Structure formats: structure tokens, C-alpha cells
Protein backbone atom coordinates (compact mmCIF):
# COMPACT_ATOMS: atom_id res chain seq x y z
CA MET A 1 -58.65 38.29 -9.29
CA ALA A 2 -59.52 37.58 -12.48
CA LEU A 3 -57.11 37.37 -15.35
CA ALA A 4 -57.20 40.29 -17.61
CA SER A 5 -58.97 39.51 -21.31
CA SER A 6 -57.35 40.07 -24.80
CA SER A 7 -59.26 42.76 -25.34
CA SER A 8 -58.07 44.58 -22.39
CA LEU A 9 -54.39 44.29 -23.71
CA PRO A 10 -53.37 46.92 -26.57
CA ALA A 11 -53.71 46.71 -29.75
CA ILE A 12 -50.65 45.20 -32.36
CA SER A 13 -50.49 47.36 -35.93
CA GLN A 14 -50.26 45.15 -38.65
CA SER A 15 -46.98 46.20 -39.43
CA GLN A 16 -45.54 45.41 -35.78
CA ARG A 17 -47.17 41.74 -36.50
CA ALA A 18 -45.35 41.90 -40.44
CA LEU A 19 -41.86 42.65 -38.43
CA PRO A 20 -39.12 39.22 -38.51
CA LEU A 21 -37.62 38.26 -35.88
CA VAL A 22 -33.61 37.71 -37.53
CA ALA A 23 -31.00 37.68 -35.47
CA THR A 24 -27.29 37.19 -36.47
CA LYS A 25 -24.04 36.53 -34.56
CA ARG A 26 -24.65 39.25 -31.43
CA THR A 27 -26.74 41.47 -33.29
CA PRO A 28 -29.56 42.94 -31.22
CA PHE A 29 -32.78 42.76 -32.48
CA HIS A 30 -36.09 44.17 -31.83
CA VAL A 31 -39.54 42.36 -30.44
CA PRO A 32 -42.63 44.99 -30.27
CA SER A 33 -43.64 44.93 -26.61
CA PRO A 34 -47.26 43.81 -25.80
CA ARG A 35 -47.29 46.01 -23.41
CA ASN A 36 -45.63 49.26 -24.93
CA PRO A 37 -45.73 50.62 -28.22
CA GLU A 38 -41.61 51.44 -28.49
CA LEU A 39 -39.44 48.01 -29.44
CA ARG A 40 -37.63 46.38 -26.60
CA ARG A 41 -33.81 45.90 -27.91
CA VAL A 42 -32.74 42.03 -26.93
CA THR A 43 -29.55 40.88 -27.64
CA LEU A 44 -29.34 36.41 -28.02
CA THR A 45 -26.01 34.58 -27.29
CA PRO A 46 -25.26 32.35 -30.87
CA PRO A 47 -25.46 29.10 -29.37
CA SER A 48 -21.24 28.22 -29.87
CA GLU A 49 -20.77 30.70 -27.34
CA VAL A 50 -23.08 29.08 -25.06
CA ALA A 51 -21.36 25.25 -25.50
CA THR A 52 -18.48 26.80 -24.99
CA LYS A 53 -19.14 28.93 -21.49
CA TRP A 54 -20.78 25.25 -20.60
CA ARG A 55 -17.69 23.46 -21.15
CA THR A 56 -15.40 25.56 -19.47
CA ARG A 57 -18.01 25.53 -16.79
CA ILE A 58 -17.71 21.55 -16.65
CA SER A 59 -13.33 21.36 -17.27
CA PHE A 60 -13.17 22.76 -13.67
CA PHE A 61 -13.86 19.60 -12.33
CA PRO A 62 -11.81 17.29 -13.39
CA SER A 63 -9.10 20.15 -13.81
CA PHE A 64 -9.83 20.23 -9.55
CA ILE A 65 -9.35 16.55 -9.32
CA LYS A 66 -6.04 16.42 -11.36
CA LYS A 67 -4.59 18.81 -8.60
CA ARG A 68 -5.59 16.55 -5.15
CA GLY A 69 -2.06 15.57 -4.06
CA LYS A 70 -1.35 12.05 -4.25
CA SER A 71 -1.19 9.29 -0.62
CA ARG A 72 0.93 8.90 1.65
CA GLU A 73 1.16 5.42 0.33
CA GLN A 74 1.43 6.30 -3.20
CA LEU A 75 4.33 8.67 -2.12
CA LYS A 76 6.29 6.24 -0.05
CA GLU A 77 5.75 3.40 -2.78
CA GLU A 78 7.18 6.28 -5.28
CA LEU A 79 10.45 7.32 -2.97
CA LEU A 80 11.37 3.90 -2.58
CA ASP A 81 11.12 3.26 -6.52
CA ALA A 82 13.46 6.35 -6.88
CA ILE A 83 16.14 5.21 -4.30
CA ALA A 84 16.02 1.63 -5.15
CA PRO A 85 18.67 1.77 -7.63
CA LEU A 86 20.88 4.66 -6.80
CA ASP A 87 22.81 2.54 -4.07
CA ARG A 88 21.85 3.84 -0.77
CA GLY A 89 22.75 7.44 -2.54
CA ALA A 90 26.50 6.59 -3.85
CA GLU A 91 25.49 6.26 -7.93
CA ALA A 92 23.10 8.75 -7.96
CA SER A 93 23.44 11.89 -9.95
CA PRO A 94 22.48 15.90 -9.22
CA GLU A 95 18.70 15.29 -10.73
CA ASP A 96 18.51 12.22 -8.85
CA LYS A 97 19.06 13.73 -5.94
CA GLU A 98 16.85 16.58 -6.81
CA ARG A 99 13.96 13.82 -7.46
CA VAL A 100 14.71 12.30 -4.37
CA ASP A 101 14.89 15.64 -2.67
CA GLN A 102 11.55 16.64 -4.01
CA ILE A 103 9.54 13.14 -3.26
CA ALA A 104 10.84 13.51 0.21
CA ARG A 105 9.57 16.70 0.82
CA GLU A 106 5.54 16.02 -0.87
CA LEU A 107 5.86 13.19 1.96
CA GLU A 108 6.90 15.61 4.79
CA GLU A 109 3.99 17.70 3.86
CA VAL A 110 1.79 14.65 4.84
CA ASN A 111 3.73 13.58 7.86
CA SER A 112 1.46 12.87 10.64
CA ILE A 113 3.23 12.66 13.21
CA LYS A 114 3.93 15.88 14.76
CA GLU A 115 6.05 15.16 17.90
CA PRO A 116 8.06 12.34 16.76
CA LEU A 117 10.86 12.48 20.22
CA LYS A 118 7.30 11.85 21.51
CA SER A 119 6.37 9.12 19.61
CA ASN A 120 7.08 5.34 20.05
CA LEU A 121 7.51 4.50 16.34
CA LEU A 122 10.61 6.38 16.53
CA ASN A 123 12.41 3.65 18.98
CA GLY A 124 14.12 0.88 17.43
CA LYS A 125 16.82 -0.22 14.94
CA TRP A 126 16.25 1.66 11.10
CA GLU A 127 18.19 0.49 7.66
CA LEU A 128 19.79 3.50 6.12
CA LEU A 129 17.94 2.82 2.78
CA TYR A 130 19.13 6.57 1.36
CA THR A 131 21.38 9.49 2.30
CA THR A 132 23.38 12.44 0.87
CA SER A 133 26.27 12.53 3.53
CA ARG A 134 29.54 11.96 1.69
CA SER A 135 31.09 11.09 5.08
CA ILE A 136 28.89 8.29 5.32
CA LEU A 137 28.57 6.70 1.27
CA GLN A 138 32.89 7.74 0.40
CA PRO A 139 31.53 8.20 -3.11
CA GLN A 140 35.37 9.32 -3.59
CA ARG A 141 36.64 5.43 -2.54
CA PRO A 142 36.92 2.39 -5.17
CA LYS A 143 33.78 0.97 -4.96
CA PHE A 144 35.18 -2.35 -2.95
CA LEU A 145 36.55 -0.12 -0.65
CA ARG A 146 33.30 1.69 0.44
CA PRO A 147 30.64 0.49 3.35
CA ASN A 148 29.41 -2.57 1.36
CA GLY A 149 26.71 -4.30 3.62
CA LYS A 150 23.48 -2.77 5.64
CA ILE A 151 24.20 0.43 8.03
CA TYR A 152 21.47 1.17 10.42
CA GLN A 153 20.95 3.49 13.10
CA ALA A 154 18.81 2.95 16.20
CA ILE A 155 17.10 5.72 18.45
CA ASN A 156 15.66 5.17 21.46
CA ALA A 157 13.82 8.46 22.25
CA ASP A 158 12.94 7.56 26.32
CA THR A 159 17.05 7.30 27.04
CA LEU A 160 17.84 9.88 24.55
CA ARG A 161 20.63 7.60 23.04
CA ALA A 162 21.25 6.67 19.50
CA GLN A 163 23.50 4.56 17.78
CA ASN A 164 24.70 4.03 14.12
CA MET A 165 26.28 0.47 12.86
CA GLU A 166 28.50 -0.31 9.58
CA THR A 167 28.13 -3.78 8.18
CA TRP A 168 30.98 -5.12 6.33
CA PRO A 169 33.64 -4.61 5.70
CA TYR A 170 34.22 -2.33 8.36
CA PHE A 171 32.11 -3.00 11.05
CA ASN A 172 32.46 0.64 12.75
CA GLN A 173 30.11 1.70 15.46
CA VAL A 174 29.61 5.06 16.70
CA THR A 175 26.91 5.99 20.01
CA ALA A 176 25.82 9.39 20.90
CA ASN A 177 23.76 10.78 23.24
CA LEU A 178 20.26 13.78 22.30
CA GLU A 179 19.57 16.59 23.70
CA PRO A 180 15.97 17.52 22.73
CA LEU A 181 15.45 21.20 20.65
CA SER A 182 12.20 20.72 19.97
CA ALA A 183 9.48 17.84 19.46
CA ARG A 184 11.53 17.33 16.30
CA ARG A 185 15.05 18.18 16.05
CA VAL A 186 17.54 17.07 18.63
CA ALA A 187 21.01 18.01 19.33
CA VAL A 188 23.54 14.70 18.83
CA GLY A 189 26.53 14.36 20.84
CA PHE A 190 29.02 11.88 20.16
CA ASP A 191 30.52 9.70 22.80
CA THR A 192 31.82 6.68 21.39
CA PHE A 193 33.41 5.18 18.59
CA LYS A 194 34.35 1.42 18.07
CA ILE A 195 36.40 1.07 15.17
CA LEU A 196 36.18 -3.00 14.03
CA GLY A 197 33.22 -2.69 16.30
CA LEU A 198 36.03 -3.83 18.96
CA ILE A 199 38.11 -0.74 19.55
CA PRO A 200 36.78 1.72 21.70
CA ILE A 201 38.16 5.16 21.01
CA LYS A 202 36.40 8.52 22.68
CA ALA A 203 34.92 10.76 20.22
CA PRO A 204 36.15 14.33 20.49
CA GLU A 205 34.38 16.70 21.57
CA ARG A 206 33.83 18.59 17.88
CA ALA A 207 31.95 14.98 16.83
CA ARG A 208 28.10 17.16 17.50
CA GLY A 209 25.70 17.73 15.02
CA GLU A 210 21.49 18.69 14.66
CA LEU A 211 19.71 15.88 13.46
CA GLU A 212 15.53 16.90 12.44
CA ILE A 213 12.85 14.34 11.99
CA THR A 214 10.74 15.16 9.01
CA TYR A 215 8.79 12.22 8.57
CA LEU A 216 8.09 9.05 10.75
CA ASP A 217 5.37 5.89 10.57
CA GLU A 218 6.14 2.94 11.24
CA GLU A 219 7.58 1.69 8.03
CA ILE A 220 9.64 4.52 7.34
CA ARG A 221 11.57 7.45 8.57
CA VAL A 222 13.16 10.86 6.94
CA SER A 223 15.99 12.81 8.59
CA ARG A 224 17.85 15.91 8.10
CA GLY A 225 20.79 17.18 8.60
CA ASP A 226 22.27 20.69 10.23
CA LYS A 227 24.56 20.14 7.52
CA GLY A 228 22.04 19.70 4.95
CA ASN A 229 21.62 16.00 4.36
CA LEU A 230 18.98 13.91 3.66
CA PHE A 231 18.63 10.60 5.15
CA ILE A 232 16.02 7.86 4.53
CA LEU A 233 15.29 4.69 6.66
CA LYS A 234 13.09 1.75 7.21
CA MET A 235 12.08 0.51 10.81
CA ILE A 236 14.02 -3.34 10.96
CA ASP A 237 13.56 -4.14 14.53
CA PRO A 238 11.71 -2.04 16.87
CA SER A 239 12.43 -3.83 19.99
CA TYR A 240 16.49 -2.77 19.79
CA ARG A 241 17.67 -1.18 22.57
CA VAL A 242 20.39 1.95 22.55
CA PRO A 243 23.32 0.66 24.71
CA LEU A 244 23.84 3.26 27.60
CA GLN A 245 27.23 5.15 28.28
């Protein structure tokens, strides 16, 4: 098909040729149409508004990047830094406890071990780094009468046994049977206390509780008790075995 020649287009009058093309902000102006003798209405967007729209679109990407969550290793490092000066929680202020709890919850959200009771990573001897349990910390006592040495908890999921161990100055111990309630929660029934690590005393029937493992890897374990207490522990000896009853 041949292109139309210029002679076939409608003639444009001298007055239409002389029509000025002037635009103000968001003000429509008229352009003569070569195919229609009537005028077409055209609205131009000022350059400043175009630039603003482009900046808005471009700024979407940095905001999207900023919203990306922290990695598991970053959260672990942040959690360990937060609890380091708190003397296992005995020196924690309400603000400290809130901050630690928030970081722990962020770490729990990225937990990849959904069934910790079935994981070999759970087995072994763990050192208590932080807790909100007053019965463990004894913050009402003078500092020299509190448990000053390391505190351990051992769990063997295959035999459903657990053991809590204090060191200096009391060396108290307690062993317990575990009863799975779900893939990550157990009922804890204490059976024998050892005062000073030597004198066995049968635990009363009321010495019971529950424990939920909310985060687990080869280094760190986060657990929560049925009374709302938070426990943060690190792995010390994966080969440790809890004594059988």
C-alpha cells in the first residue's frame, strides 16, 4: 500500500498555523489536528511532577530492602550481646527483659527445627545463659548467696530424661522424667533432688511443669516454661547422658 501524499491531507489555514503552543502548570492547550479541523485538548504534566513520580517509584526498592529480616546468625549474635552483661538475668531491668524477649521471639520465627524432640541436636548438656525464673536466679538474696557458678540442663530425648545441675556454691541437682505433649512441648515430672550433689530427696508430686523448645540449633536453645519464663542455653557437651531413674 502506497503512503498518502502530502497533497491528500486537509489544508491547514494560516490562523491554525499561527496558533502558539504555550503550556502552564497543569493547564491544557490546544493543538490543531491534521485529520480533524477541530482542535484536540492536550494536558501536559509538568517536569517537576514527573520527577516526583519517578523518585517515588525508585524509592520503593530501598524501602523493600530495608524490610528484609535479619539472618539467623545476626539474631543469635544480637541475643548473646544483649544477655552478656545481665548475670544470667539477675541484673536485668524490665527494659532489658523486654528487649531480650523481643530478640528471642525474632529468633524463634526463623527456627528451622520444627520437631525438636525428634532432633539429635536436643540431646546433651546445655549451659544456662539467661532466664527470667526467679526460683533459679534468687535475685532477692545477697549476691554472694546466689548460685554463682555455672548452671546446666541436660536433656536426652531418646530416654525422655532431663537433669538440672547447679555448681558453686550449692551443687544442687534434680532429675526428671519427660512426657511428650507435642513435637516441641513436654511435661516435666521431677523425681529426685540431690542437695549439695550428695543427699538424695524424693521430689513431691507437685514438682511438675512444662517446657516448650521454641528454637534449636547446634549451638543455641531457647525454651519457654508453663509459667511464662524464658530460658536461653548454649550447647556444652552433646555426648552427655542423664542418669536413669
